[in-house]
Amino acid sequence: MVDAIRRLGRRGAASSGPPWRTPEERAAAACLLAHQGGRLAQFETALDRLLAGAVLLDHAVDWSDDLEGGHFNAFVAYCSSLPQSPLHRAANRRRAGRTGGRQCRAALLSLVTA
């Protein structure tokens, strides 16, 4: 993909539409267009952390809705070892909602900044 973007050059990439689809391909394009190809690995790492952080933040914010809706939630999984099933919904809610839940939320979000 990086070679394809290099072949297109600045004018070709802008006029023919983006040939990239994934965040990694977009990161490569942004680095190359800014003449920062040597920083691609660093940029991809930052992008991966940003995307992971966005997902974890969503899970930490709407854990209660996910639990009620029967959707998997990483925050609930971090706070409780019980399966996320209707049978364990009340216990998972208690574990995620208590004071320890706030500590779990802080620990989960800190994983992104590590």
PDB file of N, CA and C in Angstrom:
ATOM      1  N   MET A   1       0.820  -1.193   0.000  1.00  0.00           N
ATOM      2  CA  MET A   1       0.000   0.000   0.000  1.00  0.00           C
ATOM      3  C   MET A   1       0.861   1.251   0.000  1.00  0.00           C
ATOM      4  N   VAL A   2       1.926   1.266   0.801  1.00  0.00           N
ATOM      5  CA  VAL A   2       2.801   2.431   0.856  1.00  0.00           C
ATOM      6  C   VAL A   2       3.392   2.701  -0.516  1.00  0.00           C
ATOM      7  N   ASP A   3       3.804   1.652  -1.231  1.00  0.00           N
ATOM      8  CA  ASP A   3       4.359   1.831  -2.570  1.00  0.00           C
ATOM      9  C   ASP A   3       3.327   2.416  -3.524  1.00  0.00           C
ATOM     10  N   ALA A   4       2.083   1.973  -3.416  1.00  0.00           N
ATOM     11  CA  ALA A   4       1.028   2.503  -4.285  1.00  0.00           C
ATOM     12  C   ALA A   4       0.813   3.988  -4.027  1.00  0.00           C
ATOM     13  N   ILE A   5       0.855   4.397  -2.785  1.00  0.00           N
ATOM     14  CA  ILE A   5       0.675   5.814  -2.454  1.00  0.00           C
ATOM     15  C   ILE A   5       1.855   6.621  -2.963  1.00  0.00           C
ATOM     16  N   ARG A   6       3.061   6.083  -2.826  1.00  0.00           N
ATOM     17  CA  ARG A   6       4.245   6.780  -3.335  1.00  0.00           C
ATOM     18  C   ARG A   6       4.151   6.969  -4.845  1.00  0.00           C
ATOM     19  N   ARG A   7       3.681   5.939  -5.551  1.00  0.00           N
ATOM     20  CA  ARG A   7       3.560   6.046  -7.010  1.00  0.00           C
ATOM     21  C   ARG A   7       2.565   7.123  -7.410  1.00  0.00           C
ATOM     22  N   LEU A   8       1.507   7.253  -6.663  1.00  0.00           N
ATOM     23  CA  LEU A   8       0.503   8.261  -6.995  1.00  0.00           C
ATOM     24  C   LEU A   8       1.035   9.675  -6.805  1.00  0.00           C
ATOM     25  N   GLY A   9       1.834   9.869  -5.785  1.00  0.00           N
ATOM     26  CA  GLY A   9       2.339  11.203  -5.503  1.00  0.00           C
ATOM     27  C   GLY A   9       1.246  12.095  -4.951  1.00  0.00           C
ATOM     28  N   ARG A  10       1.600  13.307  -4.600  1.00  0.00           N
ATOM     29  CA  ARG A  10       0.628  14.227  -4.007  1.00  0.00           C
ATOM     30  C   ARG A  10      -0.533  14.517  -4.945  1.00  0.00           C
ATOM     31  N   ARG A  11      -0.267  14.898  -6.149  1.00  0.00           N
ATOM     32  CA  ARG A  11      -1.333  15.279  -7.076  1.00  0.00           C
ATOM     33  C   ARG A  11      -2.213  14.089  -7.421  1.00  0.00           C
ATOM     34  N   GLY A  12      -1.609  12.944  -7.682  1.00  0.00           N
ATOM     35  CA  GLY A  12      -2.387  11.759  -8.036  1.00  0.00           C
ATOM     36  C   GLY A  12      -3.268  11.278  -6.901  1.00  0.00           C
ATOM     37  N   ALA A  13      -2.754  11.312  -5.689  1.00  0.00           N
ATOM     38  CA  ALA A  13      -3.541  10.859  -4.544  1.00  0.00           C
ATOM     39  C   ALA A  13      -4.732  11.772  -4.310  1.00  0.00           C
ATOM     40  N   ALA A  14      -4.536  13.070  -4.530  1.00  0.00           N
ATOM     41  CA  ALA A  14      -5.628  14.015  -4.295  1.00  0.00           C
ATOM     42  C   ALA A  14      -6.680  13.945  -5.393  1.00  0.00           C
ATOM     43  N   SER A  15      -6.272  13.681  -6.626  1.00  0.00           N
ATOM     44  CA  SER A  15      -7.226  13.742  -7.733  1.00  0.00           C
ATOM     45  C   SER A  15      -7.956  12.437  -7.991  1.00  0.00           C
ATOM     46  N   SER A  16      -7.364  11.318  -7.664  1.00  0.00           N
ATOM     47  CA  SER A  16      -7.991  10.044  -8.018  1.00  0.00           C
ATOM     48  C   SER A  16      -8.771   9.419  -6.871  1.00  0.00           C
ATOM     49  N   GLY A  17      -8.817  10.062  -5.728  1.00  0.00           N
ATOM     50  CA  GLY A  17      -9.534   9.494  -4.584  1.00  0.00           C
ATOM     51  C   GLY A  17      -8.618   8.579  -3.800  1.00  0.00           C
ATOM     52  N   PRO A  18      -8.944   8.346  -2.559  1.00  0.00           N
ATOM     53  CA  PRO A  18      -8.055   7.561  -1.700  1.00  0.00           C
ATOM     54  C   PRO A  18      -8.076   6.074  -2.032  1.00  0.00           C
ATOM     55  N   PRO A  19      -6.910   5.482  -2.259  1.00  0.00           N
ATOM     56  CA  PRO A  19      -6.837   4.040  -2.499  1.00  0.00           C
ATOM     57  C   PRO A  19      -6.742   3.253  -1.195  1.00  0.00           C
ATOM     58  N   TRP A  20      -6.757   3.919  -0.069  1.00  0.00           N
ATOM     59  CA  TRP A  20      -6.598   3.272   1.219  1.00  0.00           C
ATOM     60  C   TRP A  20      -7.929   3.219   1.954  1.00  0.00           C
ATOM     61  N   ARG A  21      -8.067   2.218   2.785  1.00  0.00           N
ATOM     62  CA  ARG A  21      -9.325   2.024   3.500  1.00  0.00           C
ATOM     63  C   ARG A  21      -9.138   1.914   5.015  1.00  0.00           C
ATOM     64  N   THR A  22      -8.070   1.286   5.439  1.00  0.00           N
ATOM     65  CA  THR A  22      -7.883   1.028   6.866  1.00  0.00           C
ATOM     66  C   THR A  22      -7.185   2.211   7.539  1.00  0.00           C
ATOM     67  N   PRO A  23      -7.298   2.324   8.858  1.00  0.00           N
ATOM     68  CA  PRO A  23      -6.576   3.386   9.569  1.00  0.00           C
ATOM     69  C   PRO A  23      -5.063   3.315   9.342  1.00  0.00           C
ATOM     70  N   GLU A  24      -4.537   2.103   9.232  1.00  0.00           N
ATOM     71  CA  GLU A  24      -3.097   1.962   9.001  1.00  0.00           C
ATOM     72  C   GLU A  24      -2.707   2.522   7.638  1.00  0.00           C
ATOM     73  N   GLU A  25      -3.536   2.266   6.634  1.00  0.00           N
ATOM     74  CA  GLU A  25      -3.254   2.801   5.300  1.00  0.00           C
ATOM     75  C   GLU A  25      -3.386   4.317   5.291  1.00  0.00           C
ATOM     76  N   ARG A  26      -4.336   4.834   6.015  1.00  0.00           N
ATOM     77  CA  ARG A  26      -4.494   6.287   6.104  1.00  0.00           C
ATOM     78  C   ARG A  26      -3.299   6.914   6.820  1.00  0.00           C
ATOM     79  N   ALA A  27      -2.805   6.233   7.853  1.00  0.00           N
ATOM     80  CA  ALA A  27      -1.623   6.726   8.562  1.00  0.00           C
ATOM     81  C   ALA A  27      -0.425   6.769   7.626  1.00  0.00           C
ATOM     82  N   ALA A  28      -0.271   5.732   6.820  1.00  0.00           N
ATOM     83  CA  ALA A  28       0.830   5.699   5.855  1.00  0.00           C
ATOM     84  C   ALA A  28       0.699   6.847   4.869  1.00  0.00           C
ATOM     85  N   ALA A  29      -0.500   7.075   4.372  1.00  0.00           N
ATOM     86  CA  ALA A  29      -0.719   8.163   3.418  1.00  0.00           C
ATOM     87  C   ALA A  29      -0.417   9.516   4.051  1.00  0.00           C
ATOM     88  N   ALA A  30      -0.893   9.741   5.270  1.00  0.00           N
ATOM     89  CA  ALA A  30      -0.659  11.017   5.946  1.00  0.00           C
ATOM     90  C   ALA A  30       0.833  11.251   6.164  1.00  0.00           C
ATOM     91  N   CYS A  31       1.548  10.228   6.601  1.00  0.00           N
ATOM     92  CA  CYS A  31       2.991  10.365   6.826  1.00  0.00           C
ATOM     93  C   CYS A  31       3.730  10.656   5.528  1.00  0.00           C
ATOM     94  N   LEU A  32       3.376   9.941   4.479  1.00  0.00           N
ATOM     95  CA  LEU A  32       4.069  10.139   3.209  1.00  0.00           C
ATOM     96  C   LEU A  32       3.757  11.498   2.598  1.00  0.00           C
ATOM     97  N   LEU A  33       2.514  11.923   2.676  1.00  0.00           N
ATOM     98  CA  LEU A  33       2.150  13.230   2.131  1.00  0.00           C
ATOM     99  C   LEU A  33       2.824  14.361   2.902  1.00  0.00           C
ATOM    100  N   ALA A  34       3.113  14.145   4.167  1.00  0.00           N
ATOM    101  CA  ALA A  34       3.798  15.148   4.989  1.00  0.00           C
ATOM    102  C   ALA A  34       5.314  14.953   4.967  1.00  0.00           C
ATOM    103  N   HIS A  35       5.781  14.070   4.101  1.00  0.00           N
ATOM    104  CA  HIS A  35       7.214  13.756   4.007  1.00  0.00           C
ATOM    105  C   HIS A  35       7.769  13.291   5.349  1.00  0.00           C
ATOM    106  N   GLN A  36       7.003  12.466   6.052  1.00  0.00           N
ATOM    107  CA  GLN A  36       7.397  11.942   7.356  1.00  0.00           C
ATOM    108  C   GLN A  36       7.339  10.414   7.361  1.00  0.00           C
ATOM    109  N   GLY A  37       7.704   9.797   6.242  1.00  0.00           N
ATOM    110  CA  GLY A  37       7.640   8.346   6.133  1.00  0.00           C
ATOM    111  C   GLY A  37       8.417   7.613   7.209  1.00  0.00           C
ATOM    112  N   GLY A  38       9.476   8.218   7.710  1.00  0.00           N
ATOM    113  CA  GLY A  38      10.279   7.604   8.758  1.00  0.00           C
ATOM    114  C   GLY A  38       9.576   7.534  10.106  1.00  0.00           C
ATOM    115  N   ARG A  39       8.489   8.263  10.237  1.00  0.00           N
ATOM    116  CA  ARG A  39       7.760   8.285  11.511  1.00  0.00           C
ATOM    117  C   ARG A  39       6.497   7.436  11.459  1.00  0.00           C
ATOM    118  N   LEU A  40       6.358   6.636  10.418  1.00  0.00           N
ATOM    119  CA  LEU A  40       5.138   5.858  10.225  1.00  0.00           C
ATOM    120  C   LEU A  40       4.854   4.919  11.399  1.00  0.00           C
ATOM    121  N   ALA A  41       5.850   4.200  11.870  1.00  0.00           N
ATOM    122  CA  ALA A  41       5.629   3.258  12.984  1.00  0.00           C
ATOM    123  C   ALA A  41       5.141   3.995  14.228  1.00  0.00           C
ATOM    124  N   GLN A  42       5.732   5.140  14.508  1.00  0.00           N
ATOM    125  CA  GLN A  42       5.330   5.939  15.669  1.00  0.00           C
ATOM    126  C   GLN A  42       3.889   6.437  15.502  1.00  0.00           C
ATOM    127  N   PHE A  43       3.544   6.877  14.308  1.00  0.00           N
ATOM    128  CA  PHE A  43       2.198   7.377  14.035  1.00  0.00           C
ATOM    129  C   PHE A  43       1.172   6.250  14.131  1.00  0.00           C
ATOM    130  N   GLU A  44       1.513   5.074  13.614  1.00  0.00           N
ATOM    131  CA  GLU A  44       0.597   3.933  13.689  1.00  0.00           C
ATOM    132  C   GLU A  44       0.351   3.517  15.142  1.00  0.00           C
ATOM    133  N   THR A  45       1.401   3.546  15.964  1.00  0.00           N
ATOM    134  CA  THR A  45       1.238   3.219  17.379  1.00  0.00           C
ATOM    135  C   THR A  45       0.294   4.210  18.052  1.00  0.00           C
ATOM    136  N   ALA A  46       0.489   5.490  17.765  1.00  0.00           N
ATOM    137  CA  ALA A  46      -0.389   6.514  18.345  1.00  0.00           C
ATOM    138  C   ALA A  46      -1.827   6.325  17.876  1.00  0.00           C
ATOM    139  N   LEU A  47      -2.004   6.007  16.609  1.00  0.00           N
ATOM    140  CA  LEU A  47      -3.348   5.794  16.068  1.00  0.00           C
ATOM    141  C   LEU A  47      -4.004   4.573  16.706  1.00  0.00           C
ATOM    142  N   ASP A  48      -3.259   3.494  16.866  1.00  0.00           N
ATOM    143  CA  ASP A  48      -3.798   2.297  17.521  1.00  0.00           C
ATOM    144  C   ASP A  48      -4.255   2.611  18.945  1.00  0.00           C
ATOM    145  N   ARG A  49      -3.454   3.378  19.661  1.00  0.00           N
ATOM    146  CA  ARG A  49      -3.826   3.744  21.035  1.00  0.00           C
ATOM    147  C   ARG A  49      -5.053   4.645  21.058  1.00  0.00           C
ATOM    148  N   LEU A  50      -5.134   5.541  20.097  1.00  0.00           N
ATOM    149  CA  LEU A  50      -6.295   6.421  20.021  1.00  0.00           C
ATOM    150  C   LEU A  50      -7.571   5.626  19.770  1.00  0.00           C
ATOM    151  N   LEU A  51      -7.517   4.695  18.834  1.00  0.00           N
ATOM    152  CA  LEU A  51      -8.694   3.879  18.532  1.00  0.00           C
ATOM    153  C   LEU A  51      -9.069   2.985  19.711  1.00  0.00           C
ATOM    154  N   ALA A  52      -8.070   2.372  20.338  1.00  0.00           N
ATOM    155  CA  ALA A  52      -8.347   1.536  21.513  1.00  0.00           C
ATOM    156  C   ALA A  52      -8.929   2.382  22.640  1.00  0.00           C
ATOM    157  N   GLY A  53      -8.388   3.572  22.817  1.00  0.00           N
ATOM    158  CA  GLY A  53      -8.893   4.469  23.848  1.00  0.00           C
ATOM    159  C   GLY A  53     -10.331   4.878  23.607  1.00  0.00           C
ATOM    160  N   ALA A  54     -10.674   5.127  22.351  1.00  0.00           N
ATOM    161  CA  ALA A  54     -12.054   5.502  22.027  1.00  0.00           C
ATOM    162  C   ALA A  54     -13.020   4.369  22.360  1.00  0.00           C
ATOM    163  N   VAL A  55     -12.629   3.146  22.040  1.00  0.00           N
ATOM    164  CA  VAL A  55     -13.485   1.994  22.339  1.00  0.00           C
ATOM    165  C   VAL A  55     -13.609   1.797  23.847  1.00  0.00           C
ATOM    166  N   LEU A  56     -12.481   1.868  24.558  1.00  0.00           N
ATOM    167  CA  LEU A  56     -12.519   1.676  26.009  1.00  0.00           C
ATOM    168  C   LEU A  56     -13.305   2.784  26.705  1.00  0.00           C
ATOM    169  N   LEU A  57     -13.178   4.007  26.209  1.00  0.00           N
ATOM    170  CA  LEU A  57     -13.951   5.103  26.785  1.00  0.00           C
ATOM    171  C   LEU A  57     -15.439   4.856  26.587  1.00  0.00           C
ATOM    172  N   ASP A  58     -15.816   4.412  25.400  1.00  0.00           N
ATOM    173  CA  ASP A  58     -17.217   4.081  25.138  1.00  0.00           C
ATOM    174  C   ASP A  58     -17.702   3.005  26.102  1.00  0.00           C
ATOM    175  N   HIS A  59     -16.905   1.975  26.298  1.00  0.00           N
ATOM    176  CA  HIS A  59     -17.284   0.888  27.208  1.00  0.00           C
ATOM    177  C   HIS A  59     -17.393   1.379  28.650  1.00  0.00           C
ATOM    178  N   ALA A  60     -16.494   2.275  29.060  1.00  0.00           N
ATOM    179  CA  ALA A  60     -16.533   2.783  30.432  1.00  0.00           C
ATOM    180  C   ALA A  60     -17.726   3.708  30.656  1.00  0.00           C
ATOM    181  N   VAL A  61     -18.148   4.402  29.610  1.00  0.00           N
ATOM    182  CA  VAL A  61     -19.258   5.345  29.745  1.00  0.00           C
ATOM    183  C   VAL A  61     -20.614   4.650  29.679  1.00  0.00           C
ATOM    184  N   ASP A  62     -20.784   3.719  28.748  1.00  0.00           N
ATOM    185  CA  ASP A  62     -22.124   3.136  28.564  1.00  0.00           C
ATOM    186  C   ASP A  62     -22.224   1.677  29.003  1.00  0.00           C
ATOM    187  N   TRP A  63     -21.445   1.312  30.009  1.00  0.00           N
ATOM    188  CA  TRP A  63     -21.439  -0.076  30.472  1.00  0.00           C
ATOM    189  C   TRP A  63     -22.818  -0.533  30.924  1.00  0.00           C
ATOM    190  N   SER A  64     -23.564   0.351  31.568  1.00  0.00           N
ATOM    191  CA  SER A  64     -24.876  -0.032  32.089  1.00  0.00           C
ATOM    192  C   SER A  64     -25.850  -0.351  30.948  1.00  0.00           C
ATOM    193  N   ASP A  65     -25.836   0.484  29.912  1.00  0.00           N
ATOM    194  CA  ASP A  65     -26.695   0.234  28.745  1.00  0.00           C
ATOM    195  C   ASP A  65     -26.307  -1.064  28.048  1.00  0.00           C
ATOM    196  N   ASP A  66     -24.998  -1.297  27.906  1.00  0.00           N
ATOM    197  CA  ASP A  66     -24.538  -2.536  27.270  1.00  0.00           C
ATOM    198  C   ASP A  66     -24.975  -3.753  28.079  1.00  0.00           C
ATOM    199  N   LEU A  67     -24.862  -3.653  29.386  1.00  0.00           N
ATOM    200  CA  LEU A  67     -25.248  -4.761  30.258  1.00  0.00           C
ATOM    201  C   LEU A  67     -26.738  -5.063  30.107  1.00  0.00           C
ATOM    202  N   GLU A  68     -27.560  -4.027  30.109  1.00  0.00           N
ATOM    203  CA  GLU A  68     -29.005  -4.218  29.948  1.00  0.00           C
ATOM    204  C   GLU A  68     -29.354  -4.767  28.571  1.00  0.00           C
ATOM    205  N   GLY A  69     -28.631  -4.311  27.554  1.00  0.00           N
ATOM    206  CA  GLY A  69     -28.919  -4.735  26.186  1.00  0.00           C
ATOM    207  C   GLY A  69     -28.333  -6.083  25.814  1.00  0.00           C
ATOM    208  N   GLY A  70     -27.573  -6.681  26.723  1.00  0.00           N
ATOM    209  CA  GLY A  70     -26.973  -7.975  26.434  1.00  0.00           C
ATOM    210  C   GLY A  70     -25.751  -7.901  25.533  1.00  0.00           C
ATOM    211  N   HIS A  71     -25.106  -6.722  25.487  1.00  0.00           N
ATOM    212  CA  HIS A  71     -23.918  -6.537  24.650  1.00  0.00           C
ATOM    213  C   HIS A  71     -22.661  -6.694  25.500  1.00  0.00           C
ATOM    214  N   PHE A  72     -21.627  -7.296  24.929  1.00  0.00           N
ATOM    215  CA  PHE A  72     -20.366  -7.432  25.646  1.00  0.00           C
ATOM    216  C   PHE A  72     -19.817  -6.050  25.958  1.00  0.00           C
ATOM    217  N   ASN A  73     -19.201  -5.912  27.127  1.00  0.00           N
ATOM    218  CA  ASN A  73     -18.600  -4.658  27.537  1.00  0.00           C
ATOM    219  C   ASN A  73     -17.284  -4.958  28.244  1.00  0.00           C
ATOM    220  N   ALA A  74     -16.199  -4.367  27.738  1.00  0.00           N
ATOM    221  CA  ALA A  74     -14.867  -4.618  28.290  1.00  0.00           C
ATOM    222  C   ALA A  74     -14.749  -4.120  29.725  1.00  0.00           C
ATOM    223  N   PHE A  75     -15.410  -3.017  30.045  1.00  0.00           N
ATOM    224  CA  PHE A  75     -15.360  -2.497  31.408  1.00  0.00           C
ATOM    225  C   PHE A  75     -15.981  -3.482  32.391  1.00  0.00           C
ATOM    226  N   VAL A  76     -17.132  -4.025  32.043  1.00  0.00           N
ATOM    227  CA  VAL A  76     -17.789  -5.011  32.908  1.00  0.00           C
ATOM    228  C   VAL A  76     -16.898  -6.242  33.051  1.00  0.00           C
ATOM    229  N   ALA A  77     -16.292  -6.681  31.957  1.00  0.00           N
ATOM    230  CA  ALA A  77     -15.402  -7.846  32.002  1.00  0.00           C
ATOM    231  C   ALA A  77     -14.196  -7.580  32.897  1.00  0.00           C
ATOM    232  N   TYR A  78     -13.710  -6.352  32.898  1.00  0.00           N
ATOM    233  CA  TYR A  78     -12.563  -5.989  33.725  1.00  0.00           C
ATOM    234  C   TYR A  78     -12.933  -5.984  35.208  1.00  0.00           C
ATOM    235  N   CYS A  79     -14.178  -5.589  35.510  1.00  0.00           N
ATOM    236  CA  CYS A  79     -14.632  -5.483  36.904  1.00  0.00           C
ATOM    237  C   CYS A  79     -15.173  -6.790  37.468  1.00  0.00           C
ATOM    238  N   SER A  80     -15.599  -7.687  36.598  1.00  0.00           N
ATOM    239  CA  SER A  80     -16.250  -8.910  37.067  1.00  0.00           C
ATOM    240  C   SER A  80     -15.788 -10.100  36.241  1.00  0.00           C
ATOM    241  N   SER A  81     -15.485 -11.179  36.923  1.00  0.00           N
ATOM    242  CA  SER A  81     -15.065 -12.398  36.221  1.00  0.00           C
ATOM    243  C   SER A  81     -16.255 -13.245  35.786  1.00  0.00           C
ATOM    244  N   LEU A  82     -17.453 -12.820  36.155  1.00  0.00           N
ATOM    245  CA  LEU A  82     -18.654 -13.578  35.786  1.00  0.00           C
ATOM    246  C   LEU A  82     -18.978 -13.396  34.307  1.00  0.00           C
ATOM    247  N   PRO A  83     -19.602 -14.395  33.686  1.00  0.00           N
ATOM    248  CA  PRO A  83     -20.031 -14.233  32.292  1.00  0.00           C
ATOM    249  C   PRO A  83     -21.042 -13.092  32.179  1.00  0.00           C
ATOM    250  N   GLN A  84     -21.063 -12.446  31.038  1.00  0.00           N
ATOM    251  CA  GLN A  84     -22.021 -11.371  30.809  1.00  0.00           C
ATOM    252  C   GLN A  84     -23.285 -11.960  30.193  1.00  0.00           C
ATOM    253  N   SER A  85     -24.041 -12.607  31.039  1.00  0.00           N
ATOM    254  CA  SER A  85     -25.282 -13.260  30.618  1.00  0.00           C
ATOM    255  C   SER A  85     -26.420 -12.744  31.491  1.00  0.00           C
ATOM    256  N   PRO A  86     -27.662 -12.943  31.053  1.00  0.00           N
ATOM    257  CA  PRO A  86     -28.799 -12.494  31.871  1.00  0.00           C
ATOM    258  C   PRO A  86     -28.762 -13.056  33.288  1.00  0.00           C
ATOM    259  N   LEU A  87     -28.267 -14.259  33.444  1.00  0.00           N
ATOM    260  CA  LEU A  87     -28.194 -14.886  34.760  1.00  0.00           C
ATOM    261  C   LEU A  87     -27.315 -14.091  35.734  1.00  0.00           C
ATOM    262  N   HIS A  88     -26.257 -13.478  35.226  1.00  0.00           N
ATOM    263  CA  HIS A  88     -25.292 -12.771  36.073  1.00  0.00           C
ATOM    264  C   HIS A  88     -25.408 -11.248  35.963  1.00  0.00           C
ATOM    265  N   ARG A  89     -26.438 -10.770  35.310  1.00  0.00           N
ATOM    266  CA  ARG A  89     -26.574  -9.330  35.066  1.00  0.00           C
ATOM    267  C   ARG A  89     -26.558  -8.522  36.369  1.00  0.00           C
ATOM    268  N   ALA A  90     -27.327  -8.926  37.361  1.00  0.00           N
ATOM    269  CA  ALA A  90     -27.400  -8.165  38.622  1.00  0.00           C
ATOM    270  C   ALA A  90     -26.050  -8.146  39.345  1.00  0.00           C
ATOM    271  N   ALA A  91     -25.381  -9.283  39.392  1.00  0.00           N
ATOM    272  CA  ALA A  91     -24.071  -9.345  40.063  1.00  0.00           C
ATOM    273  C   ALA A  91     -23.041  -8.503  39.312  1.00  0.00           C
ATOM    274  N   ASN A  92     -23.062  -8.567  37.984  1.00  0.00           N
ATOM    275  CA  ASN A  92     -22.136  -7.753  37.198  1.00  0.00           C
ATOM    276  C   ASN A  92     -22.413  -6.267  37.397  1.00  0.00           C
ATOM    277  N   ARG A  93     -23.696  -5.902  37.493  1.00  0.00           N
ATOM    278  CA  ARG A  93     -24.054  -4.503  37.722  1.00  0.00           C
ATOM    279  C   ARG A  93     -23.507  -4.031  39.075  1.00  0.00           C
ATOM    280  N   ARG A  94     -23.636  -4.850  40.103  1.00  0.00           N
ATOM    281  CA  ARG A  94     -23.106  -4.486  41.422  1.00  0.00           C
ATOM    282  C   ARG A  94     -21.590  -4.317  41.373  1.00  0.00           C
ATOM    283  N   ARG A  95     -20.921  -5.245  40.736  1.00  0.00           N
ATOM    284  CA  ARG A  95     -19.451  -5.197  40.692  1.00  0.00           C
ATOM    285  C   ARG A  95     -18.946  -3.996  39.895  1.00  0.00           C
ATOM    286  N   ALA A  96     -19.606  -3.681  38.811  1.00  0.00           N
ATOM    287  CA  ALA A  96     -19.165  -2.555  37.984  1.00  0.00           C
ATOM    288  C   ALA A  96     -19.590  -1.217  38.573  1.00  0.00           C
ATOM    289  N   GLY A  97     -20.673  -1.203  39.342  1.00  0.00           N
ATOM    290  CA  GLY A  97     -21.207   0.045  39.851  1.00  0.00           C
ATOM    291  C   GLY A  97     -20.673   0.505  41.189  1.00  0.00           C
ATOM    292  N   ARG A  98     -20.064  -0.374  41.930  1.00  0.00           N
ATOM    293  CA  ARG A  98     -19.583   0.019  43.262  1.00  0.00           C
ATOM    294  C   ARG A  98     -18.308   0.852  43.152  1.00  0.00           C
ATOM    295  N   THR A  99     -17.782   1.263  44.299  1.00  0.00           N
ATOM    296  CA  THR A  99     -16.573   2.081  44.344  1.00  0.00           C
ATOM    297  C   THR A  99     -15.433   1.422  43.585  1.00  0.00           C
ATOM    298  N   GLY A 100     -15.330   0.114  43.702  1.00  0.00           N
ATOM    299  CA  GLY A 100     -14.292  -0.605  42.965  1.00  0.00           C
ATOM    300  C   GLY A 100     -14.456  -0.461  41.466  1.00  0.00           C
ATOM    301  N   GLY A 101     -15.688  -0.248  41.039  1.00  0.00           N
ATOM    302  CA  GLY A 101     -15.940  -0.032  39.619  1.00  0.00           C
ATOM    303  C   GLY A 101     -15.259   1.228  39.114  1.00  0.00           C
ATOM    304  N   ARG A 102     -15.250   2.267  39.932  1.00  0.00           N
ATOM    305  CA  ARG A 102     -14.556   3.499  39.537  1.00  0.00           C
ATOM    306  C   ARG A 102     -13.060   3.239  39.421  1.00  0.00           C
ATOM    307  N   GLN A 103     -12.537   2.426  40.330  1.00  0.00           N
ATOM    308  CA  GLN A 103     -11.116   2.075  40.256  1.00  0.00           C
ATOM    309  C   GLN A 103     -10.840   1.237  39.013  1.00  0.00           C
ATOM    310  N   CYS A 104     -11.749   0.317  38.705  1.00  0.00           N
ATOM    311  CA  CYS A 104     -11.599  -0.494  37.493  1.00  0.00           C
ATOM    312  C   CYS A 104     -11.609   0.390  36.255  1.00  0.00           C
ATOM    313  N   ARG A 105     -12.525   1.358  36.232  1.00  0.00           N
ATOM    314  CA  ARG A 105     -12.628   2.252  35.076  1.00  0.00           C
ATOM    315  C   ARG A 105     -11.326   3.020  34.888  1.00  0.00           C
ATOM    316  N   ALA A 106     -10.763   3.544  35.979  1.00  0.00           N
ATOM    317  CA  ALA A 106      -9.506   4.279  35.894  1.00  0.00           C
ATOM    318  C   ALA A 106      -8.374   3.370  35.423  1.00  0.00           C
ATOM    319  N   ALA A 107      -8.335   2.147  35.936  1.00  0.00           N
ATOM    320  CA  ALA A 107      -7.283   1.205  35.530  1.00  0.00           C
ATOM    321  C   ALA A 107      -7.429   0.818  34.069  1.00  0.00           C
ATOM    322  N   LEU A 108      -8.658   0.587  33.627  1.00  0.00           N
ATOM    323  CA  LEU A 108      -8.903   0.201  32.240  1.00  0.00           C
ATOM    324  C   LEU A 108      -8.481   1.316  31.293  1.00  0.00           C
ATOM    325  N   LEU A 109      -8.846   2.541  31.616  1.00  0.00           N
ATOM    326  CA  LEU A 109      -8.489   3.663  30.755  1.00  0.00           C
ATOM    327  C   LEU A 109      -6.994   3.949  30.783  1.00  0.00           C
ATOM    328  N   SER A 110      -6.330   3.632  31.889  1.00  0.00           N
ATOM    329  CA  SER A 110      -4.887   3.866  31.961  1.00  0.00           C
ATOM    330  C   SER A 110      -4.112   2.914  31.053  1.00  0.00           C
ATOM    331  N   LEU A 111      -4.724   1.805  30.679  1.00  0.00           N
ATOM    332  CA  LEU A 111      -4.049   0.868  29.776  1.00  0.00           C
ATOM    333  C   LEU A 111      -3.738   1.520  28.438  1.00  0.00           C
ATOM    334  N   VAL A 112      -4.562   2.446  28.035  1.00  0.00           N
ATOM    335  CA  VAL A 112      -4.379   3.110  26.748  1.00  0.00           C
ATOM    336  C   VAL A 112      -3.187   4.045  26.775  1.00  0.00           C
ATOM    337  N   THR A 113      -2.922   4.651  27.902  1.00  0.00           N
ATOM    338  CA  THR A 113      -1.838   5.623  27.982  1.00  0.00           C
ATOM    339  C   THR A 113      -0.507   4.990  28.357  1.00  0.00           C
ATOM    340  N   ALA A 114      -0.501   3.695  28.614  1.00  0.00           N
ATOM    341  CA  ALA A 114       0.737   3.018  29.014  1.00  0.00           C
ATOM    342  C   ALA A 114       1.733   2.966  27.878  1.00  0.00           C
TER     343      ALA A 114
END
